Amino acid sequence: MSTIAEKQAVLIEEFEFFDEWMDKYNHIIEMGKAMPVLDAVDKNDDLLVQGCQSKVWLKAEKKGEYVRFFADADAIIAKGIVAMLIDVFDNQPSTEVAAADLSFLEEIGLKDHLSPTRANGLMSMIKQMKFYALAFSSAN
């Protein structure tokens, strides 16, 4: 199983393949399309990520010392962004998720190419995922 750092390295390598930002956006959109759809019952206000311009639902489950993430969004870019975060954080030890440094976001240039509202949404998604992980790790 890959670590958070290894998963970030894979994403950095994938994004290095693209020269243009439109191609990178398209890759993010494709990642969102490939993500499993969240059950309709889970698309409720309790799972909405606060601070996102779009509606983003984020569900987390504790599996031993690991945390599993599931999500959906009503906007294609938001869904792609949360898919990328899930790719890095899913099925990782909760303590490592809570402490993770997501340097890949800067290395691929994503932070520089998001509008302020989308950047706030990205930070809100990360904060919510880390909050779940912290809650799960303190429950061990």
C-alpha atoms as a PDB file:
ATOM      1  CA  MET A   1       0.000   0.000   0.000  1.00  0.00           C
ATOM      2  CA  SER A   2       1.309   3.441  -0.932  1.00  0.00           C
ATOM      3  CA  THR A   3       1.958   6.137   1.647  1.00  0.00           C
ATOM      4  CA  ILE A   4       0.570   9.675   1.469  1.00  0.00           C
ATOM      5  CA  ALA A   5       3.960  10.921   0.253  1.00  0.00           C
ATOM      6  CA  GLU A   6       4.121   8.244  -2.459  1.00  0.00           C
ATOM      7  CA  LYS A   7       0.600   9.064  -3.628  1.00  0.00           C
ATOM      8  CA  GLN A   8       1.495  12.753  -3.830  1.00  0.00           C
ATOM      9  CA  ALA A   9       4.595  11.901  -5.892  1.00  0.00           C
ATOM     10  CA  VAL A  10       2.444   9.942  -8.343  1.00  0.00           C
ATOM     11  CA  LEU A  11       0.089  12.907  -8.776  1.00  0.00           C
ATOM     12  CA  ILE A  12       2.995  15.309  -9.284  1.00  0.00           C
ATOM     13  CA  GLU A  13       4.349  12.994 -11.982  1.00  0.00           C
ATOM     14  CA  GLU A  14       0.920  12.768 -13.659  1.00  0.00           C
ATOM     15  CA  PHE A  15       0.570  16.552 -13.766  1.00  0.00           C
ATOM     16  CA  GLU A  16       4.096  17.042 -15.141  1.00  0.00           C
ATOM     17  CA  PHE A  17       2.862  15.297 -18.278  1.00  0.00           C
ATOM     18  CA  PHE A  18       0.610  18.288 -19.088  1.00  0.00           C
ATOM     19  CA  ASP A  19       2.017  21.573 -20.386  1.00  0.00           C
ATOM     20  CA  GLU A  20      -1.185  23.625 -20.449  1.00  0.00           C
ATOM     21  CA  TRP A  21      -3.438  24.388 -17.497  1.00  0.00           C
ATOM     22  CA  MET A  22      -6.549  23.514 -19.489  1.00  0.00           C
ATOM     23  CA  ASP A  23      -5.156  19.990 -19.857  1.00  0.00           C
ATOM     24  CA  LYS A  24      -4.523  19.860 -16.110  1.00  0.00           C
ATOM     25  CA  TYR A  25      -8.096  21.005 -15.432  1.00  0.00           C
ATOM     26  CA  ASN A  26      -9.370  18.314 -17.788  1.00  0.00           C
ATOM     27  CA  HIS A  27      -7.324  15.727 -15.881  1.00  0.00           C
ATOM     28  CA  ILE A  28      -8.849  16.919 -12.598  1.00  0.00           C
ATOM     29  CA  ILE A  29     -12.330  16.663 -14.153  1.00  0.00           C
ATOM     30  CA  GLU A  30     -11.588  13.127 -15.354  1.00  0.00           C
ATOM     31  CA  MET A  31     -10.480  12.156 -11.836  1.00  0.00           C
ATOM     32  CA  GLY A  32     -13.849  13.376 -10.566  1.00  0.00           C
ATOM     33  CA  LYS A  33     -15.735  11.421 -13.217  1.00  0.00           C
ATOM     34  CA  ALA A  34     -13.842   8.255 -12.253  1.00  0.00           C
ATOM     35  CA  MET A  35     -14.749   8.596  -8.573  1.00  0.00           C
ATOM     36  CA  PRO A  36     -17.615   6.383  -7.376  1.00  0.00           C
ATOM     37  CA  VAL A  37     -20.884   8.251  -6.876  1.00  0.00           C
ATOM     38  CA  LEU A  38     -21.913   8.847  -3.285  1.00  0.00           C
ATOM     39  CA  ASP A  39     -25.204   7.221  -2.272  1.00  0.00           C
ATOM     40  CA  ALA A  40     -28.130   9.640  -2.387  1.00  0.00           C
ATOM     41  CA  VAL A  41     -28.797   9.015   1.322  1.00  0.00           C
ATOM     42  CA  ASP A  42     -25.331  10.444   2.088  1.00  0.00           C
ATOM     43  CA  LYS A  43     -25.984  13.670   0.183  1.00  0.00           C
ATOM     44  CA  ASN A  44     -27.366  15.402   3.239  1.00  0.00           C
ATOM     45  CA  ASP A  45     -26.604  18.624   5.080  1.00  0.00           C
ATOM     46  CA  ASP A  46     -24.650  16.788   7.791  1.00  0.00           C
ATOM     47  CA  LEU A  47     -22.013  15.748   5.248  1.00  0.00           C
ATOM     48  CA  LEU A  48     -21.776  19.078   3.386  1.00  0.00           C
ATOM     49  CA  VAL A  49     -18.336  20.679   3.541  1.00  0.00           C
ATOM     50  CA  GLN A  50     -18.780  24.197   4.883  1.00  0.00           C
ATOM     51  CA  GLY A  51     -16.875  26.891   2.989  1.00  0.00           C
ATOM     52  CA  CYS A  52     -17.246  25.441  -0.499  1.00  0.00           C
ATOM     53  CA  GLN A  53     -18.897  27.464  -3.240  1.00  0.00           C
ATOM     54  CA  SER A  54     -20.270  24.228  -4.698  1.00  0.00           C
ATOM     55  CA  LYS A  55     -22.022  21.529  -2.749  1.00  0.00           C
ATOM     56  CA  VAL A  56     -19.427  18.979  -1.662  1.00  0.00           C
ATOM     57  CA  TRP A  57     -20.456  16.021   0.467  1.00  0.00           C
ATOM     58  CA  LEU A  58     -17.697  14.247   2.359  1.00  0.00           C
ATOM     59  CA  LYS A  59     -18.147  11.023   4.292  1.00  0.00           C
ATOM     60  CA  ALA A  60     -15.483   9.311   6.380  1.00  0.00           C
ATOM     61  CA  GLU A  61     -15.412   5.888   7.994  1.00  0.00           C
ATOM     62  CA  LYS A  62     -12.980   4.444  10.497  1.00  0.00           C
ATOM     63  CA  LYS A  63     -11.540   1.046   9.541  1.00  0.00           C
ATOM     64  CA  GLY A  64      -9.216   0.064  12.363  1.00  0.00           C
ATOM     65  CA  GLU A  65      -6.414   2.614  12.393  1.00  0.00           C
ATOM     66  CA  TYR A  66      -7.259   3.646   8.815  1.00  0.00           C
ATOM     67  CA  VAL A  67      -9.732   6.169   7.495  1.00  0.00           C
ATOM     68  CA  ARG A  68     -11.821   5.727   4.358  1.00  0.00           C
ATOM     69  CA  PHE A  69     -13.209   8.731   2.489  1.00  0.00           C
ATOM     70  CA  PHE A  70     -16.155   8.976   0.121  1.00  0.00           C
ATOM     71  CA  ALA A  71     -17.374  12.147  -1.560  1.00  0.00           C
ATOM     72  CA  ASP A  72     -19.420  13.762  -4.272  1.00  0.00           C
ATOM     73  CA  ALA A  73     -19.976  17.288  -5.545  1.00  0.00           C
ATOM     74  CA  ASP A  74     -22.442  19.149  -7.724  1.00  0.00           C
ATOM     75  CA  ALA A  75     -19.678  20.859  -9.757  1.00  0.00           C
ATOM     76  CA  ILE A  76     -17.193  19.020 -11.960  1.00  0.00           C
ATOM     77  CA  ILE A  77     -14.069  20.883 -10.806  1.00  0.00           C
ATOM     78  CA  ALA A  78     -14.993  20.524  -7.121  1.00  0.00           C
ATOM     79  CA  LYS A  79     -15.649  16.820  -7.661  1.00  0.00           C
ATOM     80  CA  GLY A  80     -12.253  16.448  -9.340  1.00  0.00           C
ATOM     81  CA  ILE A  81     -10.486  18.291  -6.534  1.00  0.00           C
ATOM     82  CA  VAL A  82     -12.092  16.164  -3.824  1.00  0.00           C
ATOM     83  CA  ALA A  83     -11.289  13.039  -5.897  1.00  0.00           C
ATOM     84  CA  MET A  84      -7.633  14.088  -5.914  1.00  0.00           C
ATOM     85  CA  LEU A  85      -7.659  14.556  -2.127  1.00  0.00           C
ATOM     86  CA  ILE A  86      -9.328  11.178  -1.652  1.00  0.00           C
ATOM     87  CA  ASP A  87      -6.703   9.608  -3.894  1.00  0.00           C
ATOM     88  CA  VAL A  88      -4.039  10.843  -1.454  1.00  0.00           C
ATOM     89  CA  PHE A  89      -5.849  10.344   1.876  1.00  0.00           C
ATOM     90  CA  ASP A  90      -8.094   7.304   1.419  1.00  0.00           C
ATOM     91  CA  ASN A  91      -7.212   4.136   3.321  1.00  0.00           C
ATOM     92  CA  GLN A  92      -4.336   5.789   5.193  1.00  0.00           C
ATOM     93  CA  PRO A  93      -3.686   5.743   8.943  1.00  0.00           C
ATOM     94  CA  SER A  94      -5.817   8.446  10.559  1.00  0.00           C
ATOM     95  CA  THR A  95      -2.815   9.862  12.446  1.00  0.00           C
ATOM     96  CA  GLU A  96      -0.926  10.319   9.164  1.00  0.00           C
ATOM     97  CA  VAL A  97      -3.893  11.988   7.446  1.00  0.00           C
ATOM     98  CA  ALA A  98      -4.261  14.409  10.363  1.00  0.00           C
ATOM     99  CA  ALA A  99      -0.564  15.357  10.199  1.00  0.00           C
ATOM    100  CA  ALA A 100      -0.084  15.289   6.407  1.00  0.00           C
ATOM    101  CA  ASP A 101       1.589  18.092   4.507  1.00  0.00           C
ATOM    102  CA  LEU A 102      -0.027  18.371   1.077  1.00  0.00           C
ATOM    103  CA  SER A 103       2.917  19.867  -0.775  1.00  0.00           C
ATOM    104  CA  PHE A 104       1.743  18.382  -4.072  1.00  0.00           C
ATOM    105  CA  LEU A 105      -0.957  21.077  -4.379  1.00  0.00           C
ATOM    106  CA  GLU A 106       1.709  23.748  -4.717  1.00  0.00           C
ATOM    107  CA  GLU A 107       4.047  21.575  -6.772  1.00  0.00           C
ATOM    108  CA  ILE A 108       1.415  20.943  -9.440  1.00  0.00           C
ATOM    109  CA  GLY A 109       0.462  24.639  -9.337  1.00  0.00           C
ATOM    110  CA  LEU A 110      -3.158  24.065  -8.360  1.00  0.00           C
ATOM    111  CA  LYS A 111      -3.276  26.752  -5.674  1.00  0.00           C
ATOM    112  CA  ASP A 112      -2.094  29.360  -8.194  1.00  0.00           C
ATOM    113  CA  HIS A 113      -4.782  28.419 -10.711  1.00  0.00           C
ATOM    114  CA  LEU A 114      -7.873  28.396  -8.512  1.00  0.00           C
ATOM    115  CA  SER A 115     -10.171  31.340  -7.960  1.00  0.00           C
ATOM    116  CA  PRO A 116     -10.210  32.608  -4.359  1.00  0.00           C
ATOM    117  CA  THR A 117     -13.582  30.912  -3.726  1.00  0.00           C
ATOM    118  CA  ARG A 118     -12.354  27.570  -5.104  1.00  0.00           C
ATOM    119  CA  ALA A 119      -9.121  27.894  -3.094  1.00  0.00           C
ATOM    120  CA  ASN A 120     -11.236  28.439   0.039  1.00  0.00           C
ATOM    121  CA  GLY A 121     -13.256  25.355  -0.888  1.00  0.00           C
ATOM    122  CA  LEU A 122     -10.071  23.311  -1.311  1.00  0.00           C
ATOM    123  CA  MET A 123      -8.852  24.388   2.119  1.00  0.00           C
ATOM    124  CA  SER A 124     -12.263  23.562   3.607  1.00  0.00           C
ATOM    125  CA  MET A 125     -12.143  20.049   2.108  1.00  0.00           C
ATOM    126  CA  ILE A 126      -8.650  19.454   3.522  1.00  0.00           C
ATOM    127  CA  LYS A 127      -9.667  20.833   6.905  1.00  0.00           C
ATOM    128  CA  GLN A 128     -12.745  18.555   7.039  1.00  0.00           C
ATOM    129  CA  MET A 129     -10.743  15.464   6.038  1.00  0.00           C
ATOM    130  CA  LYS A 130      -8.103  16.209   8.665  1.00  0.00           C
ATOM    131  CA  PHE A 131     -10.826  16.852  11.245  1.00  0.00           C
ATOM    132  CA  TYR A 132     -12.340  13.413  10.587  1.00  0.00           C
ATOM    133  CA  ALA A 133      -8.887  11.812  10.790  1.00  0.00           C
ATOM    134  CA  LEU A 134      -8.062  13.602  14.031  1.00  0.00           C
ATOM    135  CA  ALA A 135     -11.363  12.529  15.565  1.00  0.00           C
ATOM    136  CA  PHE A 136     -10.746   8.917  14.515  1.00  0.00           C
ATOM    137  CA  SER A 137      -7.133   8.899  15.740  1.00  0.00           C
ATOM    138  CA  SER A 138      -8.122  10.243  19.151  1.00  0.00           C
ATOM    139  CA  ALA A 139     -10.758   7.506  19.372  1.00  0.00           C
ATOM    140  CA  ASN A 140      -8.095   4.749  19.079  1.00  0.00           C
END
